[in-house]
Amino acid sequence: MAEKVIALACAAVMSTSLLVTKMQQAAKEAGKDYEIFAKSVAEIDNMLVGSGTNKPDVLLLGPQVAYMKAEAIKKAAAAGVPCDVIKMQDYGMMNGKNVVAAAEALMR
């Protein structure tokens, strides 16, 4: 079972799936056992009501859906899950290490 679960929500999951791969590599290199996955923003409600290994410890939004930040933070807060938008530069550069660090900061 993973130490932490990091969920990413975006528009179409296509480019975000590459970022997930980069994040998984960064976490593994740092010796962290994280489950990291991406889903469409349409699935945020389902992700947040999950239980056990399904429920994320943190929810990160892709920059392309930053306009949904207020709504997502409200829903995530109700579920006790911290939430924020991935920095545009880290997303654009597919910097998995920085995004994992941002997720860890939110989980603290």
N, C-alpha and C. Protein backbone atom coordinates (compact mmCIF):
# COMPACT_ATOMS: atom_id res chain seq x y z
N MET A 1 0.84 -1.19 0.00
CA MET A 1 0.00 0.00 0.00
C MET A 1 0.88 1.24 0.00
N ALA A 2 0.51 2.21 -0.80
CA ALA A 2 1.30 3.42 -0.96
C ALA A 2 1.30 4.26 0.31
N GLU A 3 2.42 4.92 0.52
CA GLU A 3 2.60 5.82 1.66
C GLU A 3 1.65 7.02 1.55
N LYS A 4 1.54 7.59 0.36
CA LYS A 4 0.66 8.73 0.08
C LYS A 4 0.06 8.57 -1.30
N VAL A 5 -1.10 9.21 -1.50
CA VAL A 5 -1.77 9.18 -2.79
C VAL A 5 -1.89 10.61 -3.30
N ILE A 6 -1.34 10.85 -4.49
CA ILE A 6 -1.38 12.17 -5.11
C ILE A 6 -2.25 12.07 -6.36
N ALA A 7 -3.32 12.86 -6.38
CA ALA A 7 -4.22 12.87 -7.53
C ALA A 7 -4.07 14.16 -8.31
N LEU A 8 -4.03 14.05 -9.62
CA LEU A 8 -4.00 15.20 -10.50
C LEU A 8 -5.31 15.22 -11.27
N ALA A 9 -5.87 16.41 -11.44
CA ALA A 9 -7.10 16.56 -12.22
C ALA A 9 -6.83 17.57 -13.33
N CYS A 10 -7.25 17.21 -14.53
CA CYS A 10 -6.99 18.09 -15.67
C CYS A 10 -8.13 17.97 -16.67
N ALA A 11 -7.93 18.55 -17.84
CA ALA A 11 -9.00 18.56 -18.84
C ALA A 11 -9.13 17.21 -19.54
N ALA A 12 -8.07 16.76 -20.19
CA ALA A 12 -8.19 15.55 -21.00
C ALA A 12 -7.27 14.41 -20.56
N VAL A 13 -6.42 14.63 -19.59
CA VAL A 13 -5.51 13.65 -19.01
C VAL A 13 -4.35 13.25 -19.92
N MET A 14 -4.33 13.73 -21.14
CA MET A 14 -3.29 13.29 -22.07
C MET A 14 -1.90 13.79 -21.67
N SER A 15 -1.70 15.09 -21.62
CA SER A 15 -0.37 15.59 -21.26
C SER A 15 -0.09 15.36 -19.78
N THR A 16 -1.11 15.36 -18.96
CA THR A 16 -0.93 15.15 -17.53
C THR A 16 -0.43 13.74 -17.23
N SER A 17 -0.76 12.78 -18.07
CA SER A 17 -0.28 11.43 -17.85
C SER A 17 1.25 11.36 -17.98
N LEU A 18 1.82 12.19 -18.84
CA LEU A 18 3.27 12.28 -18.95
C LEU A 18 3.87 12.86 -17.67
N LEU A 19 3.21 13.88 -17.12
CA LEU A 19 3.67 14.46 -15.87
C LEU A 19 3.59 13.43 -14.74
N VAL A 20 2.55 12.63 -14.72
CA VAL A 20 2.42 11.56 -13.72
C VAL A 20 3.63 10.64 -13.78
N THR A 21 4.03 10.25 -14.99
CA THR A 21 5.20 9.38 -15.16
C THR A 21 6.45 10.04 -14.60
N LYS A 22 6.63 11.33 -14.89
CA LYS A 22 7.80 12.07 -14.38
C LYS A 22 7.75 12.18 -12.85
N MET A 23 6.56 12.36 -12.30
CA MET A 23 6.41 12.43 -10.85
C MET A 23 6.71 11.09 -10.20
N GLN A 24 6.24 10.01 -10.82
CA GLN A 24 6.51 8.67 -10.28
C GLN A 24 8.01 8.40 -10.27
N GLN A 25 8.70 8.79 -11.34
CA GLN A 25 10.15 8.61 -11.39
C GLN A 25 10.84 9.41 -10.29
N ALA A 26 10.42 10.67 -10.11
CA ALA A 26 11.02 11.53 -9.08
C ALA A 26 10.79 10.97 -7.69
N ALA A 27 9.58 10.49 -7.43
CA ALA A 27 9.26 9.93 -6.12
C ALA A 27 10.09 8.67 -5.87
N LYS A 28 10.19 7.82 -6.88
CA LYS A 28 10.96 6.58 -6.75
C LYS A 28 12.43 6.88 -6.47
N GLU A 29 12.99 7.86 -7.21
CA GLU A 29 14.38 8.25 -7.00
C GLU A 29 14.62 8.79 -5.60
N ALA A 30 13.59 9.40 -5.02
CA ALA A 30 13.70 9.95 -3.66
C ALA A 30 13.36 8.90 -2.60
N GLY A 31 13.08 7.67 -3.03
CA GLY A 31 12.77 6.61 -2.09
C GLY A 31 11.37 6.69 -1.50
N LYS A 32 10.47 7.38 -2.18
CA LYS A 32 9.10 7.55 -1.69
C LYS A 32 8.18 6.53 -2.37
N ASP A 33 7.24 6.00 -1.61
CA ASP A 33 6.26 5.06 -2.13
C ASP A 33 4.93 5.80 -2.28
N TYR A 34 4.77 6.49 -3.40
CA TYR A 34 3.56 7.28 -3.64
C TYR A 34 2.76 6.66 -4.79
N GLU A 35 1.45 6.67 -4.63
CA GLU A 35 0.56 6.35 -5.74
C GLU A 35 0.20 7.68 -6.38
N ILE A 36 0.48 7.83 -7.66
CA ILE A 36 0.22 9.09 -8.36
C ILE A 36 -0.59 8.76 -9.61
N PHE A 37 -1.71 9.48 -9.77
CA PHE A 37 -2.55 9.23 -10.93
C PHE A 37 -3.23 10.51 -11.38
N ALA A 38 -3.71 10.52 -12.61
CA ALA A 38 -4.44 11.67 -13.15
C ALA A 38 -5.80 11.23 -13.65
N LYS A 39 -6.77 12.10 -13.45
CA LYS A 39 -8.12 11.87 -13.95
C LYS A 39 -8.69 13.20 -14.44
N SER A 40 -9.78 13.12 -15.13
CA SER A 40 -10.46 14.31 -15.62
C SER A 40 -11.09 15.07 -14.45
N VAL A 41 -11.21 16.39 -14.60
CA VAL A 41 -11.85 17.18 -13.54
C VAL A 41 -13.29 16.73 -13.31
N ALA A 42 -13.89 16.11 -14.30
CA ALA A 42 -15.26 15.60 -14.15
C ALA A 42 -15.32 14.51 -13.08
N GLU A 43 -14.18 13.95 -12.72
CA GLU A 43 -14.14 12.85 -11.75
C GLU A 43 -13.71 13.29 -10.34
N ILE A 44 -13.56 14.60 -10.13
CA ILE A 44 -13.11 15.10 -8.83
C ILE A 44 -14.04 14.62 -7.70
N ASP A 45 -15.34 14.76 -7.89
CA ASP A 45 -16.28 14.34 -6.83
C ASP A 45 -16.07 12.88 -6.46
N ASN A 46 -15.95 12.02 -7.46
CA ASN A 46 -15.75 10.59 -7.21
C ASN A 46 -14.42 10.32 -6.51
N MET A 47 -13.38 11.03 -6.90
CA MET A 47 -12.06 10.84 -6.27
C MET A 47 -12.11 11.20 -4.79
N LEU A 48 -12.81 12.29 -4.47
CA LEU A 48 -12.80 12.78 -3.09
C LEU A 48 -13.67 11.97 -2.14
N VAL A 49 -14.62 11.22 -2.66
CA VAL A 49 -15.44 10.38 -1.78
C VAL A 49 -14.89 8.98 -1.66
N GLY A 50 -13.78 8.73 -2.32
CA GLY A 50 -13.15 7.41 -2.23
C GLY A 50 -12.75 7.10 -0.80
N SER A 51 -12.45 5.87 -0.57
CA SER A 51 -12.01 5.48 0.77
C SER A 51 -10.76 4.63 0.64
N GLY A 52 -10.03 4.55 1.71
CA GLY A 52 -8.83 3.71 1.72
C GLY A 52 -7.80 4.18 0.72
N THR A 53 -7.34 3.29 -0.13
CA THR A 53 -6.27 3.62 -1.07
C THR A 53 -6.76 4.50 -2.22
N ASN A 54 -8.07 4.62 -2.40
CA ASN A 54 -8.60 5.42 -3.50
C ASN A 54 -8.57 6.91 -3.22
N LYS A 55 -8.80 7.29 -1.97
CA LYS A 55 -8.90 8.71 -1.63
C LYS A 55 -7.52 9.35 -1.61
N PRO A 56 -7.37 10.47 -2.34
CA PRO A 56 -6.07 11.11 -2.38
C PRO A 56 -5.74 11.84 -1.09
N ASP A 57 -4.43 11.96 -0.82
CA ASP A 57 -3.95 12.76 0.30
C ASP A 57 -3.81 14.21 -0.13
N VAL A 58 -3.75 14.44 -1.45
CA VAL A 58 -3.65 15.79 -2.01
C VAL A 58 -4.22 15.75 -3.43
N LEU A 59 -4.81 16.86 -3.84
CA LEU A 59 -5.36 17.00 -5.19
C LEU A 59 -4.70 18.19 -5.86
N LEU A 60 -4.10 17.94 -7.01
CA LEU A 60 -3.46 19.00 -7.79
C LEU A 60 -4.21 19.19 -9.10
N LEU A 61 -4.46 20.43 -9.45
CA LEU A 61 -5.15 20.74 -10.70
C LEU A 61 -4.14 21.15 -11.76
N GLY A 62 -4.37 20.70 -12.97
CA GLY A 62 -3.54 21.14 -14.08
C GLY A 62 -3.80 22.62 -14.35
N PRO A 63 -2.80 23.35 -14.83
CA PRO A 63 -2.97 24.79 -15.08
C PRO A 63 -4.10 25.10 -16.06
N GLN A 64 -4.40 24.17 -16.96
CA GLN A 64 -5.44 24.39 -17.95
C GLN A 64 -6.84 24.43 -17.33
N VAL A 65 -6.97 23.96 -16.09
CA VAL A 65 -8.26 24.02 -15.39
C VAL A 65 -8.18 24.89 -14.14
N ALA A 66 -7.23 25.81 -14.13
CA ALA A 66 -7.05 26.70 -12.97
C ALA A 66 -8.32 27.52 -12.69
N TYR A 67 -9.12 27.75 -13.71
CA TYR A 67 -10.36 28.50 -13.52
C TYR A 67 -11.32 27.79 -12.57
N MET A 68 -11.09 26.51 -12.32
CA MET A 68 -11.94 25.72 -11.42
C MET A 68 -11.39 25.66 -10.00
N LYS A 69 -10.32 26.39 -9.74
CA LYS A 69 -9.62 26.29 -8.46
C LYS A 69 -10.54 26.50 -7.26
N ALA A 70 -11.30 27.58 -7.24
CA ALA A 70 -12.16 27.88 -6.08
C ALA A 70 -13.14 26.75 -5.80
N GLU A 71 -13.79 26.25 -6.84
CA GLU A 71 -14.75 25.16 -6.69
C GLU A 71 -14.07 23.88 -6.21
N ALA A 72 -12.90 23.57 -6.80
CA ALA A 72 -12.18 22.34 -6.43
C ALA A 72 -11.67 22.42 -4.99
N ILE A 73 -11.16 23.58 -4.59
CA ILE A 73 -10.66 23.74 -3.21
C ILE A 73 -11.81 23.57 -2.22
N LYS A 74 -12.96 24.10 -2.55
CA LYS A 74 -14.13 23.97 -1.66
C LYS A 74 -14.51 22.49 -1.49
N LYS A 75 -14.57 21.77 -2.60
CA LYS A 75 -14.93 20.35 -2.54
C LYS A 75 -13.85 19.55 -1.80
N ALA A 76 -12.59 19.85 -2.11
CA ALA A 76 -11.49 19.12 -1.48
C ALA A 76 -11.44 19.40 0.03
N ALA A 77 -11.66 20.65 0.41
CA ALA A 77 -11.65 21.01 1.84
C ALA A 77 -12.74 20.26 2.59
N ALA A 78 -13.90 20.11 1.98
CA ALA A 78 -14.99 19.37 2.61
C ALA A 78 -14.62 17.92 2.83
N ALA A 79 -13.71 17.40 1.98
CA ALA A 79 -13.27 16.01 2.10
C ALA A 79 -11.98 15.90 2.92
N GLY A 80 -11.46 17.05 3.38
CA GLY A 80 -10.23 17.04 4.17
C GLY A 80 -8.98 16.81 3.33
N VAL A 81 -9.04 17.21 2.06
CA VAL A 81 -7.92 17.00 1.14
C VAL A 81 -7.38 18.36 0.68
N PRO A 82 -6.09 18.64 0.90
CA PRO A 82 -5.54 19.90 0.40
C PRO A 82 -5.52 19.91 -1.13
N CYS A 83 -5.65 21.10 -1.70
CA CYS A 83 -5.76 21.23 -3.15
C CYS A 83 -5.11 22.52 -3.61
N ASP A 84 -4.47 22.48 -4.77
CA ASP A 84 -3.91 23.68 -5.38
C ASP A 84 -3.68 23.41 -6.86
N VAL A 85 -3.29 24.46 -7.58
CA VAL A 85 -3.00 24.35 -9.01
C VAL A 85 -1.50 24.14 -9.20
N ILE A 86 -1.13 23.26 -10.10
CA ILE A 86 0.27 23.04 -10.44
C ILE A 86 0.82 24.29 -11.10
N LYS A 87 2.02 24.70 -10.72
CA LYS A 87 2.63 25.88 -11.33
C LYS A 87 2.80 25.64 -12.83
N MET A 88 2.42 26.66 -13.60
CA MET A 88 2.47 26.57 -15.06
C MET A 88 3.86 26.17 -15.56
N GLN A 89 4.91 26.74 -14.98
CA GLN A 89 6.26 26.44 -15.43
C GLN A 89 6.61 24.98 -15.17
N ASP A 90 6.28 24.48 -13.99
CA ASP A 90 6.58 23.07 -13.67
C ASP A 90 5.79 22.14 -14.57
N TYR A 91 4.55 22.50 -14.87
CA TYR A 91 3.73 21.68 -15.75
C TYR A 91 4.31 21.70 -17.17
N GLY A 92 4.62 22.87 -17.65
CA GLY A 92 5.13 23.02 -19.02
C GLY A 92 6.46 22.31 -19.22
N MET A 93 7.30 22.31 -18.19
CA MET A 93 8.61 21.67 -18.27
C MET A 93 8.54 20.20 -17.84
N MET A 94 7.33 19.75 -17.46
CA MET A 94 7.14 18.37 -16.98
C MET A 94 8.13 18.06 -15.86
N ASN A 95 8.24 19.00 -14.92
CA ASN A 95 9.18 18.87 -13.81
C ASN A 95 8.53 18.07 -12.67
N GLY A 96 8.61 16.77 -12.77
CA GLY A 96 8.00 15.89 -11.79
C GLY A 96 8.52 16.11 -10.38
N LYS A 97 9.80 16.37 -10.26
CA LYS A 97 10.41 16.58 -8.94
C LYS A 97 9.77 17.79 -8.24
N ASN A 98 9.61 18.90 -8.95
CA ASN A 98 9.00 20.09 -8.34
C ASN A 98 7.53 19.89 -7.99
N VAL A 99 6.82 19.16 -8.85
CA VAL A 99 5.40 18.94 -8.58
C VAL A 99 5.23 18.00 -7.38
N VAL A 100 6.08 17.00 -7.25
CA VAL A 100 6.03 16.14 -6.07
C VAL A 100 6.34 16.96 -4.82
N ALA A 101 7.32 17.84 -4.90
CA ALA A 101 7.66 18.71 -3.76
C ALA A 101 6.50 19.61 -3.39
N ALA A 102 5.80 20.14 -4.37
CA ALA A 102 4.63 20.98 -4.11
C ALA A 102 3.53 20.17 -3.43
N ALA A 103 3.32 18.95 -3.89
CA ALA A 103 2.31 18.08 -3.28
C ALA A 103 2.67 17.78 -1.83
N GLU A 104 3.94 17.49 -1.60
CA GLU A 104 4.40 17.20 -0.23
C GLU A 104 4.21 18.41 0.69
N ALA A 105 4.48 19.59 0.16
CA ALA A 105 4.28 20.81 0.97
C ALA A 105 2.81 20.98 1.35
N LEU A 106 1.91 20.67 0.43
CA LEU A 106 0.49 20.78 0.72
C LEU A 106 0.04 19.74 1.74
N MET A 107 0.67 18.59 1.74
CA MET A 107 0.28 17.51 2.66
C MET A 107 0.78 17.74 4.08
N ARG A 108 1.72 18.66 4.25
CA ARG A 108 2.26 18.91 5.59
C ARG A 108 1.32 19.70 6.45
